[in-house]
């Protein structure tokens, strides 16, 4: 098991991305937006960080930031057998926030599930198959 990525909720994902790039030497990888949320990914070596900011007050990020300061909301772990890890976590009492999802990619497949940690923190458990293995973020 290794850390796949760390997800931050921030006020402005573009400014946060620029800070990571200019101050910490990260590389900007990609950005995407939904109706309510903008997310950008930065990477340094094997370390991937997702930075999400609200586009509207309906964004889950906006709802989080109304109650909490900007910060880490999810620490994702990469595993080699998602099903057995999730099964073991559930047997040990973990609360599943998102059941296992599968997303085919051009060069492999991404599978993930999400469990509650403590407070507002969650853990996404990720399995990367094919050439996507070990990529993070």
Protein backbone atom coordinates (compact mmCIF):
# COMPACT_ATOMS: atom_id res chain seq x y z
CA UNK A 1 0.00 0.00 0.00
CA UNK A 2 1.25 3.48 -0.84
CA UNK A 3 -0.19 6.97 -0.97
CA UNK A 4 -1.87 7.55 -4.33
CA UNK A 5 -2.79 11.20 -3.84
CA UNK A 6 -3.84 13.83 -1.32
CA UNK A 7 -6.96 15.92 -1.98
CA UNK A 8 -7.27 19.47 -0.65
CA UNK A 9 -10.35 21.71 -0.63
CA UNK A 10 -9.20 25.30 -1.17
CA UNK A 11 -10.74 28.70 -1.93
CA UNK A 12 -9.01 29.02 -5.32
CA UNK A 13 -7.56 25.95 -7.03
CA UNK A 14 -5.71 27.98 -9.68
CA UNK A 15 -3.88 30.12 -7.11
CA UNK A 16 -3.14 27.01 -5.06
CA UNK A 17 -1.84 25.20 -8.16
CA UNK A 18 0.39 28.17 -8.99
CA UNK A 19 1.77 28.18 -5.44
CA UNK A 20 2.65 24.47 -5.60
CA UNK A 21 4.29 24.97 -9.01
CA UNK A 22 6.24 28.16 -8.21
CA UNK A 23 7.11 27.57 -4.56
CA UNK A 24 7.38 23.79 -4.32
CA UNK A 25 8.49 22.83 -7.85
CA UNK A 26 5.42 20.71 -8.65
CA UNK A 27 4.25 20.21 -12.25
CA UNK A 28 0.70 21.14 -13.28
CA UNK A 29 -0.82 17.95 -14.74
CA UNK A 30 -4.47 18.56 -15.58
CA UNK A 31 -7.59 20.50 -14.63
CA UNK A 32 -11.28 19.75 -14.90
CA UNK A 33 -14.53 21.34 -13.88
CA UNK A 34 -18.05 20.24 -13.12
CA UNK A 35 -20.99 22.60 -12.78
CA UNK A 36 -20.00 23.38 -9.20
CA UNK A 37 -16.33 22.51 -8.66
CA UNK A 38 -12.95 23.11 -10.31
CA UNK A 39 -10.18 20.58 -9.66
CA UNK A 40 -6.56 20.73 -10.72
CA UNK A 41 -3.82 18.13 -10.25
CA UNK A 42 -0.16 18.84 -9.52
CA UNK A 43 2.62 16.29 -9.23
CA UNK A 44 6.20 16.10 -8.02
CA UNK A 45 7.78 12.71 -8.65
CA UNK A 46 5.31 10.17 -7.29
CA UNK A 47 3.45 12.73 -5.16
CA UNK A 48 0.10 13.81 -6.65
CA UNK A 49 -2.09 16.50 -5.10
CA UNK A 50 -5.66 17.33 -6.11
CA UNK A 51 -6.80 20.89 -5.43
CA UNK A 52 -10.55 21.54 -5.60
CA UNK A 53 -12.32 24.88 -5.27
CA UNK A 54 -15.99 25.87 -5.51
CA UNK A 55 -17.45 27.45 -8.64
CA UNK A 56 -20.85 27.92 -6.99
CA UNK A 57 -22.28 27.89 -3.50
CA UNK A 58 -23.83 24.49 -4.30
CA UNK A 59 -20.38 22.89 -4.57
CA UNK A 60 -19.50 20.30 -1.91
CA UNK A 61 -16.26 22.28 -1.57
CA UNK A 62 -18.20 25.47 -0.74
CA UNK A 63 -20.26 23.56 1.81
CA UNK A 64 -17.07 22.20 3.41
CA UNK A 65 -15.36 25.62 3.45
CA UNK A 66 -18.34 27.22 5.19
CA UNK A 67 -17.62 24.98 8.19
CA UNK A 68 -13.86 24.35 7.96
CA UNK A 69 -10.67 26.09 6.88
CA UNK A 70 -9.07 24.97 3.61
CA UNK A 71 -7.26 21.69 4.03
CA UNK A 72 -6.96 17.98 3.39
CA UNK A 73 -10.24 16.13 2.84
CA UNK A 74 -8.99 12.83 1.45
CA UNK A 75 -5.83 10.76 1.58
CA UNK A 76 -5.94 8.10 -1.13
CA UNK A 77 -4.02 4.84 -0.96
CA UNK A 78 -3.06 2.65 -3.91
CA UNK A 79 -3.42 -1.10 -3.40
CA UNK A 80 -2.96 -4.14 -5.62
CA UNK A 81 -6.26 -5.88 -4.73
CA UNK A 82 -9.03 -3.38 -4.08
CA UNK A 83 -11.78 -5.92 -3.45
CA UNK A 84 -9.91 -7.75 -0.69
CA UNK A 85 -8.75 -4.52 0.96
CA UNK A 86 -12.28 -3.06 0.96
CA UNK A 87 -13.69 -6.34 2.28
CA UNK A 88 -11.15 -6.36 5.13
CA UNK A 89 -11.88 -2.70 5.96
CA UNK A 90 -15.62 -3.37 6.13
CA UNK A 91 -15.06 -6.43 8.34
CA UNK A 92 -13.05 -4.19 10.66
CA UNK A 93 -15.92 -1.71 10.89
CA UNK A 94 -15.06 0.88 8.24
CA UNK A 95 -17.97 2.95 6.96
CA UNK A 96 -18.15 2.84 3.16
CA UNK A 97 -18.82 6.27 1.67
CA UNK A 98 -18.59 5.12 -1.95
CA UNK A 99 -18.73 1.50 -3.08
CA UNK A 100 -16.19 0.23 -5.60
CA UNK A 101 -16.35 2.07 -8.92
CA UNK A 102 -14.58 1.09 -12.15
CA UNK A 103 -13.45 3.52 -14.83
CA UNK A 104 -11.83 2.15 -18.01
CA UNK A 105 -8.93 4.22 -19.31
CA UNK A 106 -7.09 4.18 -22.63
CA UNK A 107 -4.13 2.35 -21.12
CA UNK A 108 -5.71 0.40 -18.29
CA UNK A 109 -8.41 0.65 -15.69
CA UNK A 110 -8.96 2.65 -12.53
CA UNK A 111 -10.96 1.16 -9.65
CA UNK A 112 -11.69 2.89 -6.36
CA UNK A 113 -13.87 2.93 -3.27
CA UNK A 114 -14.03 5.40 -0.39
CA UNK A 115 -14.26 4.96 3.37
CA UNK A 116 -14.73 7.38 6.25
CA UNK A 117 -11.68 8.12 8.37
CA UNK A 118 -12.20 10.52 11.30
CA UNK A 119 -13.95 13.86 11.32
CA UNK A 120 -14.40 15.03 7.74
CA UNK A 121 -11.39 13.08 6.42
CA UNK A 122 -11.95 10.20 4.03
CA UNK A 123 -9.69 7.59 2.45
CA UNK A 124 -10.07 6.63 -1.18
CA UNK A 125 -8.67 3.18 -1.88
CA UNK A 126 -7.41 2.93 -5.47
CA UNK A 127 -6.32 0.08 -7.72
CA UNK A 128 -4.68 0.94 -11.03
CA UNK A 129 -4.52 -1.77 -13.68
CA UNK A 130 -2.50 -1.87 -16.89
CA UNK A 131 -0.19 1.01 -17.73
CA UNK A 132 -2.04 3.25 -15.26
CA UNK A 133 -0.50 1.33 -12.34
CA UNK A 134 1.60 3.52 -10.05
CA UNK A 135 0.63 6.83 -11.66
CA UNK A 136 -1.19 8.55 -8.75
CA UNK A 137 -3.84 11.30 -8.98
